[in-house]
Amino acid sequence: MTFAQSLKVIIKQDGKVIEPVNDVYDLKKHLFNLNLPLPILRDF
């Protein structure tokens, strides 16, 4: 049984996409945009 789906996350700060290093996002103490591109939501 699956409880959660894997979601792609896009984080932008100062207009640049922040890439994770070892699944960790290094963000500044500043506003950022969190985008979840979800073409199809199933069982959510």
N, C-alpha and C. Protein backbone atom coordinates (compact mmCIF):
# COMPACT_ATOMS: atom_id res chain seq x y z
N MET A 1 0.84 -1.18 0.00
CA MET A 1 0.00 0.00 0.00
C MET A 1 0.89 1.24 0.00
N THR A 2 0.58 2.17 -0.86
CA THR A 2 1.35 3.41 -0.96
C THR A 2 0.58 4.54 -0.29
N PHE A 3 1.26 5.26 0.59
CA PHE A 3 0.62 6.36 1.31
C PHE A 3 0.91 7.72 0.70
N ALA A 4 2.01 7.85 -0.01
CA ALA A 4 2.35 9.15 -0.60
C ALA A 4 3.01 8.92 -1.96
N GLN A 5 2.81 9.87 -2.82
CA GLN A 5 3.46 9.84 -4.12
C GLN A 5 4.71 10.70 -4.07
N SER A 6 5.62 10.41 -4.96
CA SER A 6 6.81 11.22 -5.07
C SER A 6 6.46 12.48 -5.86
N LEU A 7 6.80 13.64 -5.32
CA LEU A 7 6.49 14.91 -5.97
C LEU A 7 7.78 15.62 -6.35
N LYS A 8 7.75 16.23 -7.51
CA LYS A 8 8.88 17.07 -7.92
C LYS A 8 8.66 18.46 -7.33
N VAL A 9 9.70 19.02 -6.76
CA VAL A 9 9.63 20.34 -6.14
C VAL A 9 10.62 21.25 -6.83
N ILE A 10 10.18 22.45 -7.18
CA ILE A 10 11.06 23.46 -7.76
C ILE A 10 11.06 24.65 -6.80
N ILE A 11 12.24 25.00 -6.31
CA ILE A 11 12.39 26.14 -5.41
C ILE A 11 13.19 27.21 -6.13
N LYS A 12 12.63 28.42 -6.17
CA LYS A 12 13.32 29.55 -6.79
C LYS A 12 13.55 30.63 -5.75
N GLN A 13 14.75 31.19 -5.78
CA GLN A 13 15.10 32.29 -4.88
C GLN A 13 15.90 33.30 -5.70
N ASP A 14 15.51 34.55 -5.62
CA ASP A 14 16.13 35.63 -6.41
C ASP A 14 16.08 35.32 -7.91
N GLY A 15 15.00 34.66 -8.35
CA GLY A 15 14.81 34.35 -9.76
C GLY A 15 15.61 33.17 -10.27
N LYS A 16 16.35 32.48 -9.40
CA LYS A 16 17.17 31.34 -9.80
C LYS A 16 16.63 30.06 -9.17
N VAL A 17 16.68 28.98 -9.92
CA VAL A 17 16.26 27.68 -9.40
C VAL A 17 17.35 27.17 -8.45
N ILE A 18 16.95 26.76 -7.26
CA ILE A 18 17.87 26.22 -6.27
C ILE A 18 17.88 24.70 -6.41
N GLU A 19 19.04 24.14 -6.66
CA GLU A 19 19.18 22.69 -6.81
C GLU A 19 19.58 22.07 -5.47
N PRO A 20 18.99 20.92 -5.14
CA PRO A 20 19.36 20.27 -3.88
C PRO A 20 20.72 19.57 -3.98
N VAL A 21 21.42 19.52 -2.86
CA VAL A 21 22.67 18.77 -2.74
C VAL A 21 22.41 17.72 -1.67
N ASN A 22 22.45 16.45 -2.05
CA ASN A 22 22.13 15.34 -1.15
C ASN A 22 20.72 15.52 -0.56
N ASP A 23 19.77 15.92 -1.41
CA ASP A 23 18.37 16.14 -1.03
C ASP A 23 18.18 17.27 -0.02
N VAL A 24 19.14 18.21 0.07
CA VAL A 24 19.04 19.35 0.98
C VAL A 24 19.12 20.63 0.15
N TYR A 25 18.18 21.52 0.39
CA TYR A 25 18.17 22.82 -0.30
C TYR A 25 18.80 23.86 0.61
N ASP A 26 19.83 24.54 0.13
CA ASP A 26 20.51 25.59 0.88
C ASP A 26 19.90 26.94 0.49
N LEU A 27 19.07 27.49 1.38
CA LEU A 27 18.36 28.74 1.10
C LEU A 27 18.90 29.87 1.96
N LYS A 28 18.83 31.08 1.40
CA LYS A 28 19.19 32.27 2.15
C LYS A 28 18.01 32.67 3.02
N LYS A 29 18.23 33.52 4.00
CA LYS A 29 17.13 34.06 4.81
C LYS A 29 16.45 35.15 4.00
N HIS A 30 15.70 34.71 3.01
CA HIS A 30 15.06 35.61 2.07
C HIS A 30 13.84 34.88 1.51
N LEU A 31 12.93 35.61 0.91
CA LEU A 31 11.75 34.99 0.33
C LEU A 31 12.12 34.03 -0.79
N PHE A 32 11.32 32.97 -0.93
CA PHE A 32 11.53 32.01 -2.01
C PHE A 32 10.18 31.54 -2.52
N ASN A 33 10.17 31.01 -3.74
CA ASN A 33 8.97 30.44 -4.36
C ASN A 33 9.08 28.93 -4.34
N LEU A 34 8.00 28.28 -3.94
CA LEU A 34 7.92 26.83 -3.93
C LEU A 34 6.90 26.42 -4.96
N ASN A 35 7.34 25.69 -5.99
CA ASN A 35 6.46 25.25 -7.06
C ASN A 35 6.34 23.74 -7.04
N LEU A 36 5.11 23.26 -7.16
CA LEU A 36 4.85 21.83 -7.26
C LEU A 36 4.16 21.59 -8.60
N PRO A 37 4.92 21.27 -9.66
CA PRO A 37 4.31 21.02 -10.95
C PRO A 37 3.57 19.69 -10.91
N LEU A 38 2.24 19.76 -10.93
CA LEU A 38 1.40 18.56 -10.79
C LEU A 38 0.49 18.43 -12.01
N PRO A 39 0.94 17.71 -13.02
CA PRO A 39 0.09 17.56 -14.21
C PRO A 39 -1.17 16.75 -13.91
N ILE A 40 -1.04 15.72 -13.08
CA ILE A 40 -2.19 14.88 -12.75
C ILE A 40 -2.11 14.52 -11.27
N LEU A 41 -3.17 14.78 -10.55
CA LEU A 41 -3.23 14.37 -9.15
C LEU A 41 -4.12 13.14 -9.05
N ARG A 42 -3.54 12.06 -8.60
CA ARG A 42 -4.32 10.84 -8.41
C ARG A 42 -4.19 10.40 -6.98
N ASP A 43 -5.27 10.03 -6.37
CA ASP A 43 -5.26 9.53 -4.98
C ASP A 43 -4.63 10.52 -4.03
N PHE A 44 -4.84 11.80 -4.27
CA PHE A 44 -4.23 12.82 -3.41
C PHE A 44 -5.31 13.56 -2.69
